[in-house]
Amino acid sequence: IFAQVPTLLTATQIREAMDEIAVELSESGE
């Protein structure tokens, strides 16, 4: 479990993931 989780998440990684979530919610009509 420890090996699966990165020790550091960059701001860019978080923003990109958030952007993908935003697109998915919009396209799915949530």
mmCIF file of all heavy atoms, coordinates in Angstrom:
data_MODEL
# 
_entry.id   MODEL 
# 
loop_
_atom_site.group_PDB 
_atom_site.id 
_atom_site.type_symbol 
_atom_site.label_atom_id 
_atom_site.label_alt_id 
_atom_site.label_comp_id 
_atom_site.label_asym_id 
_atom_site.label_entity_id 
_atom_site.label_seq_id 
_atom_site.pdbx_PDB_ins_code 
_atom_site.Cartn_x 
_atom_site.Cartn_y 
_atom_site.Cartn_z 
_atom_site.occupancy 
_atom_site.B_iso_or_equiv 
_atom_site.pdbx_formal_charge 
_atom_site.auth_seq_id 
_atom_site.auth_comp_id 
_atom_site.auth_asym_id 
_atom_site.auth_atom_id 
_atom_site.pdbx_PDB_model_num 
ATOM 1   N N   . ILE A 1 1  ? 0.844   -1.196 0.000   1.00 0.00 ? 1  ILE A N   1 
ATOM 2   C CA  . ILE A 1 1  ? 0.000   0.000  0.000   1.00 0.00 ? 1  ILE A CA  1 
ATOM 3   C C   . ILE A 1 1  ? 0.880   1.248  0.000   1.00 0.00 ? 1  ILE A C   1 
ATOM 4   O O   . ILE A 1 1  ? 0.632   2.218  -0.720  1.00 0.00 ? 1  ILE A O   1 
ATOM 5   C CB  . ILE A 1 1  ? -0.931  -0.004 1.239   1.00 0.00 ? 1  ILE A CB  1 
ATOM 6   C CG1 . ILE A 1 1  ? -1.892  -1.184 1.174   1.00 0.00 ? 1  ILE A CG1 1 
ATOM 7   C CG2 . ILE A 1 1  ? -1.703  1.303  1.331   1.00 0.00 ? 1  ILE A CG2 1 
ATOM 8   C CD1 . ILE A 1 1  ? -2.719  -1.362 2.431   1.00 0.00 ? 1  ILE A CD1 1 
ATOM 9   N N   . PHE A 1 2  ? 1.907   1.203  0.829   1.00 0.00 ? 2  PHE A N   1 
ATOM 10  C CA  . PHE A 1 2  ? 2.822   2.334  0.954   1.00 0.00 ? 2  PHE A CA  1 
ATOM 11  C C   . PHE A 1 2  ? 3.457   2.667  -0.389  1.00 0.00 ? 2  PHE A C   1 
ATOM 12  O O   . PHE A 1 2  ? 3.593   3.834  -0.756  1.00 0.00 ? 2  PHE A O   1 
ATOM 13  C CB  . PHE A 1 2  ? 3.902   1.986  1.991   1.00 0.00 ? 2  PHE A CB  1 
ATOM 14  C CG  . PHE A 1 2  ? 4.765   3.145  2.372   1.00 0.00 ? 2  PHE A CG  1 
ATOM 15  C CD1 . PHE A 1 2  ? 4.395   3.986  3.408   1.00 0.00 ? 2  PHE A CD1 1 
ATOM 16  C CD2 . PHE A 1 2  ? 5.951   3.389  1.696   1.00 0.00 ? 2  PHE A CD2 1 
ATOM 17  C CE1 . PHE A 1 2  ? 5.196   5.061  3.758   1.00 0.00 ? 2  PHE A CE1 1 
ATOM 18  C CE2 . PHE A 1 2  ? 6.758   4.461  2.049   1.00 0.00 ? 2  PHE A CE2 1 
ATOM 19  C CZ  . PHE A 1 2  ? 6.383   5.297  3.085   1.00 0.00 ? 2  PHE A CZ  1 
ATOM 20  N N   . ALA A 1 3  ? 3.801   1.647  -1.150  1.00 0.00 ? 3  ALA A N   1 
ATOM 21  C CA  . ALA A 1 3  ? 4.485   1.853  -2.431  1.00 0.00 ? 3  ALA A CA  1 
ATOM 22  C C   . ALA A 1 3  ? 3.553   2.438  -3.489  1.00 0.00 ? 3  ALA A C   1 
ATOM 23  O O   . ALA A 1 3  ? 4.008   3.076  -4.437  1.00 0.00 ? 3  ALA A O   1 
ATOM 24  C CB  . ALA A 1 3  ? 5.071   0.534  -2.919  1.00 0.00 ? 3  ALA A CB  1 
ATOM 25  N N   . GLN A 1 4  ? 2.239   2.208  -3.350  1.00 0.00 ? 4  GLN A N   1 
ATOM 26  C CA  . GLN A 1 4  ? 1.297   2.681  -4.351  1.00 0.00 ? 4  GLN A CA  1 
ATOM 27  C C   . GLN A 1 4  ? 1.087   4.200  -4.285  1.00 0.00 ? 4  GLN A C   1 
ATOM 28  O O   . GLN A 1 4  ? 0.753   4.823  -5.287  1.00 0.00 ? 4  GLN A O   1 
ATOM 29  C CB  . GLN A 1 4  ? -0.061  1.994  -4.155  1.00 0.00 ? 4  GLN A CB  1 
ATOM 30  C CG  . GLN A 1 4  ? -0.081  0.536  -4.525  1.00 0.00 ? 4  GLN A CG  1 
ATOM 31  C CD  . GLN A 1 4  ? -0.016  0.336  -6.033  1.00 0.00 ? 4  GLN A CD  1 
ATOM 32  O OE1 . GLN A 1 4  ? -0.472  1.169  -6.795  1.00 0.00 ? 4  GLN A OE1 1 
ATOM 33  N NE2 . GLN A 1 4  ? 0.572   -0.770 -6.451  1.00 0.00 ? 4  GLN A NE2 1 
ATOM 34  N N   . VAL A 1 5  ? 1.239   4.803  -3.141  1.00 0.00 ? 5  VAL A N   1 
ATOM 35  C CA  . VAL A 1 5  ? 0.930   6.219  -2.945  1.00 0.00 ? 5  VAL A CA  1 
ATOM 36  C C   . VAL A 1 5  ? 2.201   7.058  -3.070  1.00 0.00 ? 5  VAL A C   1 
ATOM 37  O O   . VAL A 1 5  ? 3.169   6.809  -2.341  1.00 0.00 ? 5  VAL A O   1 
ATOM 38  C CB  . VAL A 1 5  ? 0.290   6.447  -1.559  1.00 0.00 ? 5  VAL A CB  1 
ATOM 39  C CG1 . VAL A 1 5  ? -0.077  7.922  -1.378  1.00 0.00 ? 5  VAL A CG1 1 
ATOM 40  C CG2 . VAL A 1 5  ? -0.933  5.568  -1.398  1.00 0.00 ? 5  VAL A CG2 1 
ATOM 41  N N   . PRO A 1 6  ? 2.237   8.011  -3.976  1.00 0.00 ? 6  PRO A N   1 
ATOM 42  C CA  . PRO A 1 6  ? 3.431   8.846  -4.120  1.00 0.00 ? 6  PRO A CA  1 
ATOM 43  C C   . PRO A 1 6  ? 3.681   9.651  -2.855  1.00 0.00 ? 6  PRO A C   1 
ATOM 44  O O   . PRO A 1 6  ? 2.744   10.049 -2.158  1.00 0.00 ? 6  PRO A O   1 
ATOM 45  C CB  . PRO A 1 6  ? 3.093   9.755  -5.308  1.00 0.00 ? 6  PRO A CB  1 
ATOM 46  C CG  . PRO A 1 6  ? 1.604   9.784  -5.352  1.00 0.00 ? 6  PRO A CG  1 
ATOM 47  C CD  . PRO A 1 6  ? 1.158   8.430  -4.903  1.00 0.00 ? 6  PRO A CD  1 
ATOM 48  N N   . THR A 1 7  ? 4.942   9.867  -2.564  1.00 0.00 ? 7  THR A N   1 
ATOM 49  C CA  . THR A 1 7  ? 5.276   10.640 -1.367  1.00 0.00 ? 7  THR A CA  1 
ATOM 50  C C   . THR A 1 7  ? 5.007   12.125 -1.565  1.00 0.00 ? 7  THR A C   1 
ATOM 51  O O   . THR A 1 7  ? 4.882   12.876 -0.593  1.00 0.00 ? 7  THR A O   1 
ATOM 52  C CB  . THR A 1 7  ? 6.773   10.454 -1.016  1.00 0.00 ? 7  THR A CB  1 
ATOM 53  O OG1 . THR A 1 7  ? 7.567   10.822 -2.155  1.00 0.00 ? 7  THR A OG1 1 
ATOM 54  C CG2 . THR A 1 7  ? 7.047   9.009  -0.635  1.00 0.00 ? 7  THR A CG2 1 
ATOM 55  N N   . LEU A 1 8  ? 4.912   12.552 -2.813  1.00 0.00 ? 8  LEU A N   1 
ATOM 56  C CA  . LEU A 1 8  ? 4.655   13.961 -3.088  1.00 0.00 ? 8  LEU A CA  1 
ATOM 57  C C   . LEU A 1 8  ? 3.770   14.098 -4.319  1.00 0.00 ? 8  LEU A C   1 
ATOM 58  O O   . LEU A 1 8  ? 4.018   13.478 -5.355  1.00 0.00 ? 8  LEU A O   1 
ATOM 59  C CB  . LEU A 1 8  ? 5.976   14.713 -3.325  1.00 0.00 ? 8  LEU A CB  1 
ATOM 60  C CG  . LEU A 1 8  ? 5.851   16.175 -3.770  1.00 0.00 ? 8  LEU A CG  1 
ATOM 61  C CD1 . LEU A 1 8  ? 5.224   17.014 -2.654  1.00 0.00 ? 8  LEU A CD1 1 
ATOM 62  C CD2 . LEU A 1 8  ? 7.203   16.736 -4.177  1.00 0.00 ? 8  LEU A CD2 1 
ATOM 63  N N   . LEU A 1 9  ? 2.725   14.902 -4.190  1.00 0.00 ? 9  LEU A N   1 
ATOM 64  C CA  . LEU A 1 9  ? 1.882   15.259 -5.328  1.00 0.00 ? 9  LEU A CA  1 
ATOM 65  C C   . LEU A 1 9  ? 2.156   16.723 -5.669  1.00 0.00 ? 9  LEU A C   1 
ATOM 66  O O   . LEU A 1 9  ? 2.057   17.588 -4.804  1.00 0.00 ? 9  LEU A O   1 
ATOM 67  C CB  . LEU A 1 9  ? 0.404   15.084 -4.990  1.00 0.00 ? 9  LEU A CB  1 
ATOM 68  C CG  . LEU A 1 9  ? -0.161  13.670 -5.021  1.00 0.00 ? 9  LEU A CG  1 
ATOM 69  C CD1 . LEU A 1 9  ? -1.626  13.698 -4.591  1.00 0.00 ? 9  LEU A CD1 1 
ATOM 70  C CD2 . LEU A 1 9  ? -0.036  13.058 -6.406  1.00 0.00 ? 9  LEU A CD2 1 
ATOM 71  N N   . THR A 1 10 ? 2.493   16.981 -6.905  1.00 0.00 ? 10 THR A N   1 
ATOM 72  C CA  . THR A 1 10 ? 2.766   18.363 -7.298  1.00 0.00 ? 10 THR A CA  1 
ATOM 73  C C   . THR A 1 10 ? 1.453   19.086 -7.555  1.00 0.00 ? 10 THR A C   1 
ATOM 74  O O   . THR A 1 10 ? 0.404   18.476 -7.785  1.00 0.00 ? 10 THR A O   1 
ATOM 75  C CB  . THR A 1 10 ? 3.629   18.418 -8.572  1.00 0.00 ? 10 THR A CB  1 
ATOM 76  O OG1 . THR A 1 10 ? 2.874   17.886 -9.675  1.00 0.00 ? 10 THR A OG1 1 
ATOM 77  C CG2 . THR A 1 10 ? 4.912   17.624 -8.387  1.00 0.00 ? 10 THR A CG2 1 
ATOM 78  N N   . ALA A 1 11 ? 1.523   20.421 -7.540  1.00 0.00 ? 11 ALA A N   1 
ATOM 79  C CA  . ALA A 1 11 ? 0.338   21.228 -7.820  1.00 0.00 ? 11 ALA A CA  1 
ATOM 80  C C   . ALA A 1 11 ? -0.183  20.945 -9.227  1.00 0.00 ? 11 ALA A C   1 
ATOM 81  O O   . ALA A 1 11 ? -1.396  20.909 -9.458  1.00 0.00 ? 11 ALA A O   1 
ATOM 82  C CB  . ALA A 1 11 ? 0.670   22.709 -7.662  1.00 0.00 ? 11 ALA A CB  1 
ATOM 83  N N   . THR A 1 12 ? 0.738   20.703 -10.165 1.00 0.00 ? 12 THR A N   1 
ATOM 84  C CA  . THR A 1 12 ? 0.333   20.416 -11.548 1.00 0.00 ? 12 THR A CA  1 
ATOM 85  C C   . THR A 1 12 ? -0.444  19.116 -11.633 1.00 0.00 ? 12 THR A C   1 
ATOM 86  O O   . THR A 1 12 ? -1.470  19.024 -12.322 1.00 0.00 ? 12 THR A O   1 
ATOM 87  C CB  . THR A 1 12 ? 1.567   20.344 -12.456 1.00 0.00 ? 12 THR A CB  1 
ATOM 88  O OG1 . THR A 1 12 ? 2.247   21.612 -12.434 1.00 0.00 ? 12 THR A OG1 1 
ATOM 89  C CG2 . THR A 1 12 ? 1.174   20.016 -13.881 1.00 0.00 ? 12 THR A CG2 1 
ATOM 90  N N   . GLN A 1 13 ? 0.019   18.083 -10.929 1.00 0.00 ? 13 GLN A N   1 
ATOM 91  C CA  . GLN A 1 13 ? -0.680  16.795 -10.931 1.00 0.00 ? 13 GLN A CA  1 
ATOM 92  C C   . GLN A 1 13 ? -2.098  16.935 -10.369 1.00 0.00 ? 13 GLN A C   1 
ATOM 93  O O   . GLN A 1 13 ? -3.052  16.361 -10.899 1.00 0.00 ? 13 GLN A O   1 
ATOM 94  C CB  . GLN A 1 13 ? 0.104   15.770 -10.116 1.00 0.00 ? 13 GLN A CB  1 
ATOM 95  C CG  . GLN A 1 13 ? 1.390   15.292 -10.767 1.00 0.00 ? 13 GLN A CG  1 
ATOM 96  C CD  . GLN A 1 13 ? 2.198   14.390 -9.853  1.00 0.00 ? 13 GLN A CD  1 
ATOM 97  O OE1 . GLN A 1 13 ? 2.404   14.713 -8.672  1.00 0.00 ? 13 GLN A OE1 1 
ATOM 98  N NE2 . GLN A 1 13 ? 2.629   13.252 -10.377 1.00 0.00 ? 13 GLN A NE2 1 
ATOM 99  N N   . ILE A 1 14 ? -2.221  17.699 -9.304  1.00 0.00 ? 14 ILE A N   1 
ATOM 100 C CA  . ILE A 1 14 ? -3.532  17.887 -8.673  1.00 0.00 ? 14 ILE A CA  1 
ATOM 101 C C   . ILE A 1 14 ? -4.458  18.676 -9.596  1.00 0.00 ? 14 ILE A C   1 
ATOM 102 O O   . ILE A 1 14 ? -5.621  18.310 -9.789  1.00 0.00 ? 14 ILE A O   1 
ATOM 103 C CB  . ILE A 1 14 ? -3.381  18.598 -7.320  1.00 0.00 ? 14 ILE A CB  1 
ATOM 104 C CG1 . ILE A 1 14 ? -2.617  17.695 -6.337  1.00 0.00 ? 14 ILE A CG1 1 
ATOM 105 C CG2 . ILE A 1 14 ? -4.739  18.972 -6.749  1.00 0.00 ? 14 ILE A CG2 1 
ATOM 106 C CD1 . ILE A 1 14 ? -2.248  18.360 -5.033  1.00 0.00 ? 14 ILE A CD1 1 
ATOM 107 N N   . ARG A 1 15 ? -3.950  19.741 -10.192 1.00 0.00 ? 15 ARG A N   1 
ATOM 108 C CA  . ARG A 1 15 ? -4.784  20.554 -11.096 1.00 0.00 ? 15 ARG A CA  1 
ATOM 109 C C   . ARG A 1 15 ? -5.236  19.745 -12.306 1.00 0.00 ? 15 ARG A C   1 
ATOM 110 O O   . ARG A 1 15 ? -6.385  19.847 -12.744 1.00 0.00 ? 15 ARG A O   1 
ATOM 111 C CB  . ARG A 1 15 ? -4.008  21.792 -11.548 1.00 0.00 ? 15 ARG A CB  1 
ATOM 112 C CG  . ARG A 1 15 ? -3.818  22.846 -10.475 1.00 0.00 ? 15 ARG A CG  1 
ATOM 113 C CD  . ARG A 1 15 ? -3.378  24.165 -11.076 1.00 0.00 ? 15 ARG A CD  1 
ATOM 114 N NE  . ARG A 1 15 ? -3.079  25.142 -10.043 1.00 0.00 ? 15 ARG A NE  1 
ATOM 115 C CZ  . ARG A 1 15 ? -1.856  25.395 -9.583  1.00 0.00 ? 15 ARG A CZ  1 
ATOM 116 N NH1 . ARG A 1 15 ? -0.822  24.736 -10.097 1.00 0.00 ? 15 ARG A NH1 1 
ATOM 117 N NH2 . ARG A 1 15 ? -1.663  26.297 -8.639  1.00 0.00 ? 15 ARG A NH2 1 
ATOM 118 N N   . GLU A 1 16 ? -4.337  18.943 -12.866 1.00 0.00 ? 16 GLU A N   1 
ATOM 119 C CA  . GLU A 1 16 ? -4.701  18.132 -14.027 1.00 0.00 ? 16 GLU A CA  1 
ATOM 120 C C   . GLU A 1 16 ? -5.794  17.126 -13.668 1.00 0.00 ? 16 GLU A C   1 
ATOM 121 O O   . GLU A 1 16 ? -6.738  16.913 -14.441 1.00 0.00 ? 16 GLU A O   1 
ATOM 122 C CB  . GLU A 1 16 ? -3.463  17.411 -14.561 1.00 0.00 ? 16 GLU A CB  1 
ATOM 123 C CG  . GLU A 1 16 ? -2.470  18.336 -15.265 1.00 0.00 ? 16 GLU A CG  1 
ATOM 124 C CD  . GLU A 1 16 ? -1.230  17.603 -15.730 1.00 0.00 ? 16 GLU A CD  1 
ATOM 125 O OE1 . GLU A 1 16 ? -1.052  16.429 -15.322 1.00 0.00 ? 16 GLU A OE1 1 
ATOM 126 O OE2 . GLU A 1 16 ? -0.430  18.195 -16.475 1.00 0.00 ? 16 GLU A OE2 1 
ATOM 127 N N   . ALA A 1 17 ? -5.670  16.509 -12.503 1.00 0.00 ? 17 ALA A N   1 
ATOM 128 C CA  . ALA A 1 17 ? -6.689  15.555 -12.063 1.00 0.00 ? 17 ALA A CA  1 
ATOM 129 C C   . ALA A 1 17 ? -8.025  16.267 -11.824 1.00 0.00 ? 17 ALA A C   1 
ATOM 130 O O   . ALA A 1 17 ? -9.094  15.749 -12.185 1.00 0.00 ? 17 ALA A O   1 
ATOM 131 C CB  . ALA A 1 17 ? -6.235  14.845 -10.792 1.00 0.00 ? 17 ALA A CB  1 
ATOM 132 N N   . MET A 1 18 ? -7.970  17.459 -11.225 1.00 0.00 ? 18 MET A N   1 
ATOM 133 C CA  . MET A 1 18 ? -9.191  18.238 -10.996 1.00 0.00 ? 18 MET A CA  1 
ATOM 134 C C   . MET A 1 18 ? -9.836  18.642 -12.321 1.00 0.00 ? 18 MET A C   1 
ATOM 135 O O   . MET A 1 18 ? -11.065 18.607 -12.474 1.00 0.00 ? 18 MET A O   1 
ATOM 136 C CB  . MET A 1 18 ? -8.873  19.481 -10.159 1.00 0.00 ? 18 MET A CB  1 
ATOM 137 C CG  . MET A 1 18 ? -8.529  19.216 -8.715  1.00 0.00 ? 18 MET A CG  1 
ATOM 138 S SD  . MET A 1 18 ? -9.952  18.610 -7.767  1.00 0.00 ? 18 MET A SD  1 
ATOM 139 C CE  . MET A 1 18 ? -9.321  18.792 -6.090  1.00 0.00 ? 18 MET A CE  1 
ATOM 140 N N   . ASP A 1 19 ? -9.028  19.014 -13.283 1.00 0.00 ? 19 ASP A N   1 
ATOM 141 C CA  . ASP A 1 19 ? -9.553  19.387 -14.604 1.00 0.00 ? 19 ASP A CA  1 
ATOM 142 C C   . ASP A 1 19 ? -10.267 18.208 -15.254 1.00 0.00 ? 19 ASP A C   1 
ATOM 143 O O   . ASP A 1 19 ? -11.332 18.369 -15.876 1.00 0.00 ? 19 ASP A O   1 
ATOM 144 C CB  . ASP A 1 19 ? -8.417  19.872 -15.518 1.00 0.00 ? 19 ASP A CB  1 
ATOM 145 C CG  . ASP A 1 19 ? -7.892  21.239 -15.126 1.00 0.00 ? 19 ASP A CG  1 
ATOM 146 O OD1 . ASP A 1 19 ? -8.598  21.946 -14.378 1.00 0.00 ? 19 ASP A OD1 1 
ATOM 147 O OD2 . ASP A 1 19 ? -6.782  21.603 -15.561 1.00 0.00 ? 19 ASP A OD2 1 
ATOM 148 N N   . GLU A 1 20 ? -9.690  17.023 -15.124 1.00 0.00 ? 20 GLU A N   1 
ATOM 149 C CA  . GLU A 1 20 ? -10.315 15.830 -15.695 1.00 0.00 ? 20 GLU A CA  1 
ATOM 150 C C   . GLU A 1 20 ? -11.646 15.539 -15.012 1.00 0.00 ? 20 GLU A C   1 
ATOM 151 O O   . GLU A 1 20 ? -12.631 15.168 -15.674 1.00 0.00 ? 20 GLU A O   1 
ATOM 152 C CB  . GLU A 1 20 ? -9.371  14.636 -15.548 1.00 0.00 ? 20 GLU A CB  1 
ATOM 153 C CG  . GLU A 1 20 ? -8.124  14.721 -16.434 1.00 0.00 ? 20 GLU A CG  1 
ATOM 154 C CD  . GLU A 1 20 ? -7.212  13.525 -16.245 1.00 0.00 ? 20 GLU A CD  1 
ATOM 155 O OE1 . GLU A 1 20 ? -7.658  12.530 -15.627 1.00 0.00 ? 20 GLU A OE1 1 
ATOM 156 O OE2 . GLU A 1 20 ? -6.050  13.575 -16.707 1.00 0.00 ? 20 GLU A OE2 1 
ATOM 157 N N   . ILE A 1 21 ? -11.706 15.715 -13.694 1.00 0.00 ? 21 ILE A N   1 
ATOM 158 C CA  . ILE A 1 21 ? -12.959 15.500 -12.965 1.00 0.00 ? 21 ILE A CA  1 
ATOM 159 C C   . ILE A 1 21 ? -14.011 16.491 -13.434 1.00 0.00 ? 21 ILE A C   1 
ATOM 160 O O   . ILE A 1 21 ? -15.177 16.141 -13.654 1.00 0.00 ? 21 ILE A O   1 
ATOM 161 C CB  . ILE A 1 21 ? -12.727 15.638 -11.443 1.00 0.00 ? 21 ILE A CB  1 
ATOM 162 C CG1 . ILE A 1 21 ? -11.830 14.506 -10.932 1.00 0.00 ? 21 ILE A CG1 1 
ATOM 163 C CG2 . ILE A 1 21 ? -14.057 15.636 -10.697 1.00 0.00 ? 21 ILE A CG2 1 
ATOM 164 C CD1 . ILE A 1 21 ? -11.422 14.663 -9.483  1.00 0.00 ? 21 ILE A CD1 1 
ATOM 165 N N   . ALA A 1 22 ? -13.612 17.754 -13.595 1.00 0.00 ? 22 ALA A N   1 
ATOM 166 C CA  . ALA A 1 22 ? -14.546 18.797 -14.031 1.00 0.00 ? 22 ALA A CA  1 
ATOM 167 C C   . ALA A 1 22 ? -15.132 18.467 -15.401 1.00 0.00 ? 22 ALA A C   1 
ATOM 168 O O   . ALA A 1 22 ? -16.344 18.618 -15.634 1.00 0.00 ? 22 ALA A O   1 
ATOM 169 C CB  . ALA A 1 22 ? -13.844 20.151 -14.057 1.00 0.00 ? 22 ALA A CB  1 
ATOM 170 N N   . VAL A 1 23 ? -14.287 17.996 -16.315 1.00 0.00 ? 23 VAL A N   1 
ATOM 171 C CA  . VAL A 1 23 ? -14.742 17.646 -17.661 1.00 0.00 ? 23 VAL A CA  1 
ATOM 172 C C   . VAL A 1 23 ? -15.690 16.451 -17.606 1.00 0.00 ? 23 VAL A C   1 
ATOM 173 O O   . VAL A 1 23 ? -16.739 16.428 -18.271 1.00 0.00 ? 23 VAL A O   1 
ATOM 174 C CB  . VAL A 1 23 ? -13.537 17.348 -18.577 1.00 0.00 ? 23 VAL A CB  1 
ATOM 175 C CG1 . VAL A 1 23 ? -14.014 16.763 -19.910 1.00 0.00 ? 23 VAL A CG1 1 
ATOM 176 C CG2 . VAL A 1 23 ? -12.730 18.614 -18.817 1.00 0.00 ? 23 VAL A CG2 1 
ATOM 177 N N   . GLU A 1 24 ? -15.345 15.465 -16.814 1.00 0.00 ? 24 GLU A N   1 
ATOM 178 C CA  . GLU A 1 24 ? -16.182 14.266 -16.697 1.00 0.00 ? 24 GLU A CA  1 
ATOM 179 C C   . GLU A 1 24 ? -17.569 14.607 -16.153 1.00 0.00 ? 24 GLU A C   1 
ATOM 180 O O   . GLU A 1 24 ? -18.590 14.102 -16.655 1.00 0.00 ? 24 GLU A O   1 
ATOM 181 C CB  . GLU A 1 24 ? -15.500 13.248 -15.780 1.00 0.00 ? 24 GLU A CB  1 
ATOM 182 C CG  . GLU A 1 24 ? -14.250 12.614 -16.395 1.00 0.00 ? 24 GLU A CG  1 
ATOM 183 C CD  . GLU A 1 24 ? -13.464 11.790 -15.387 1.00 0.00 ? 24 GLU A CD  1 
ATOM 184 O OE1 . GLU A 1 24 ? -13.922 11.695 -14.217 1.00 0.00 ? 24 GLU A OE1 1 
ATOM 185 O OE2 . GLU A 1 24 ? -12.397 11.255 -15.740 1.00 0.00 ? 24 GLU A OE2 1 
ATOM 186 N N   . LEU A 1 25 ? -17.624 15.468 -15.159 1.00 0.00 ? 25 LEU A N   1 
ATOM 187 C CA  . LEU A 1 25 ? -18.908 15.856 -14.575 1.00 0.00 ? 25 LEU A CA  1 
ATOM 188 C C   . LEU A 1 25 ? -19.760 16.621 -15.577 1.00 0.00 ? 25 LEU A C   1 
ATOM 189 O O   . LEU A 1 25 ? -20.976 16.423 -15.678 1.00 0.00 ? 25 LEU A O   1 
ATOM 190 C CB  . LEU A 1 25 ? -18.682 16.704 -13.319 1.00 0.00 ? 25 LEU A CB  1 
ATOM 191 C CG  . LEU A 1 25 ? -18.062 15.995 -12.118 1.00 0.00 ? 25 LEU A CG  1 
ATOM 192 C CD1 . LEU A 1 25 ? -17.796 16.989 -10.997 1.00 0.00 ? 25 LEU A CD1 1 
ATOM 193 C CD2 . LEU A 1 25 ? -18.982 14.882 -11.623 1.00 0.00 ? 25 LEU A CD2 1 
ATOM 194 N N   . SER A 1 26 ? -19.119 17.503 -16.323 1.00 0.00 ? 26 SER A N   1 
ATOM 195 C CA  . SER A 1 26 ? -19.842 18.307 -17.306 1.00 0.00 ? 26 SER A CA  1 
ATOM 196 C C   . SER A 1 26 ? -20.368 17.453 -18.455 1.00 0.00 ? 26 SER A C   1 
ATOM 197 O O   . SER A 1 26 ? -21.529 17.577 -18.860 1.00 0.00 ? 26 SER A O   1 
ATOM 198 C CB  . SER A 1 26 ? -18.932 19.415 -17.843 1.00 0.00 ? 26 SER A CB  1 
ATOM 199 O OG  . SER A 1 26 ? -19.600 20.196 -18.800 1.00 0.00 ? 26 SER A OG  1 
ATOM 200 N N   . GLU A 1 27 ? -19.526 16.576 -18.958 1.00 0.00 ? 27 GLU A N   1 
ATOM 201 C CA  . GLU A 1 27 ? -19.912 15.743 -20.104 1.00 0.00 ? 27 GLU A CA  1 
ATOM 202 C C   . GLU A 1 27 ? -20.961 14.698 -19.742 1.00 0.00 ? 27 GLU A C   1 
ATOM 203 O O   . GLU A 1 27 ? -21.768 14.299 -20.588 1.00 0.00 ? 27 GLU A O   1 
ATOM 204 C CB  . GLU A 1 27 ? -18.676 15.068 -20.693 1.00 0.00 ? 27 GLU A CB  1 
ATOM 205 C CG  . GLU A 1 27 ? -17.709 16.037 -21.375 1.00 0.00 ? 27 GLU A CG  1 
ATOM 206 C CD  . GLU A 1 27 ? -16.501 15.327 -21.955 1.00 0.00 ? 27 GLU A CD  1 
ATOM 207 O OE1 . GLU A 1 27 ? -16.285 14.145 -21.594 1.00 0.00 ? 27 GLU A OE1 1 
ATOM 208 O OE2 . GLU A 1 27 ? -15.768 15.956 -22.747 1.00 0.00 ? 27 GLU A OE2 1 
ATOM 209 N N   . SER A 1 28 ? -20.955 14.257 -18.497 1.00 0.00 ? 28 SER A N   1 
ATOM 210 C CA  . SER A 1 28 ? -21.912 13.230 -18.082 1.00 0.00 ? 28 SER A CA  1 
ATOM 211 C C   . SER A 1 28 ? -23.256 13.831 -17.663 1.00 0.00 ? 28 SER A C   1 
ATOM 212 O O   . SER A 1 28 ? -24.205 13.088 -17.385 1.00 0.00 ? 28 SER A O   1 
ATOM 213 C CB  . SER A 1 28 ? -21.339 12.406 -16.929 1.00 0.00 ? 28 SER A CB  1 
ATOM 214 O OG  . SER A 1 28 ? -21.126 13.228 -15.787 1.00 0.00 ? 28 SER A OG  1 
ATOM 215 N N   . GLY A 1 29 ? -23.333 15.162 -17.591 1.00 0.00 ? 29 GLY A N   1 
ATOM 216 C CA  . GLY A 1 29 ? -24.587 15.817 -17.214 1.00 0.00 ? 29 GLY A CA  1 
ATOM 217 C C   . GLY A 1 29 ? -24.956 15.649 -15.766 1.00 0.00 ? 29 GLY A C   1 
ATOM 218 O O   . GLY A 1 29 ? -26.148 15.623 -15.424 1.00 0.00 ? 29 GLY A O   1 
ATOM 219 N N   . GLU A 1 30 ? -23.960 15.529 -14.898 1.00 0.00 ? 30 GLU A N   1 
ATOM 220 C CA  . GLU A 1 30 ? -24.225 15.383 -13.466 1.00 0.00 ? 30 GLU A CA  1 
ATOM 221 C C   . GLU A 1 30 ? -24.938 16.622 -12.916 1.00 0.00 ? 30 GLU A C   1 
ATOM 222 O O   . GLU A 1 30 ? -24.885 17.699 -13.507 1.00 0.00 ? 30 GLU A O   1 
ATOM 223 C CB  . GLU A 1 30 ? -22.914 15.173 -12.702 1.00 0.00 ? 30 GLU A CB  1 
ATOM 224 C CG  . GLU A 1 30 ? -22.293 13.807 -12.875 1.00 0.00 ? 30 GLU A CG  1 
ATOM 225 C CD  . GLU A 1 30 ? -23.034 12.723 -12.102 1.00 0.00 ? 30 GLU A CD  1 
ATOM 226 O OE1 . GLU A 1 30 ? -23.982 13.064 -11.367 1.00 0.00 ? 30 GLU A OE1 1 
ATOM 227 O OE2 . GLU A 1 30 ? -22.682 11.548 -12.248 1.00 0.00 ? 30 GLU A OE2 1 
# 
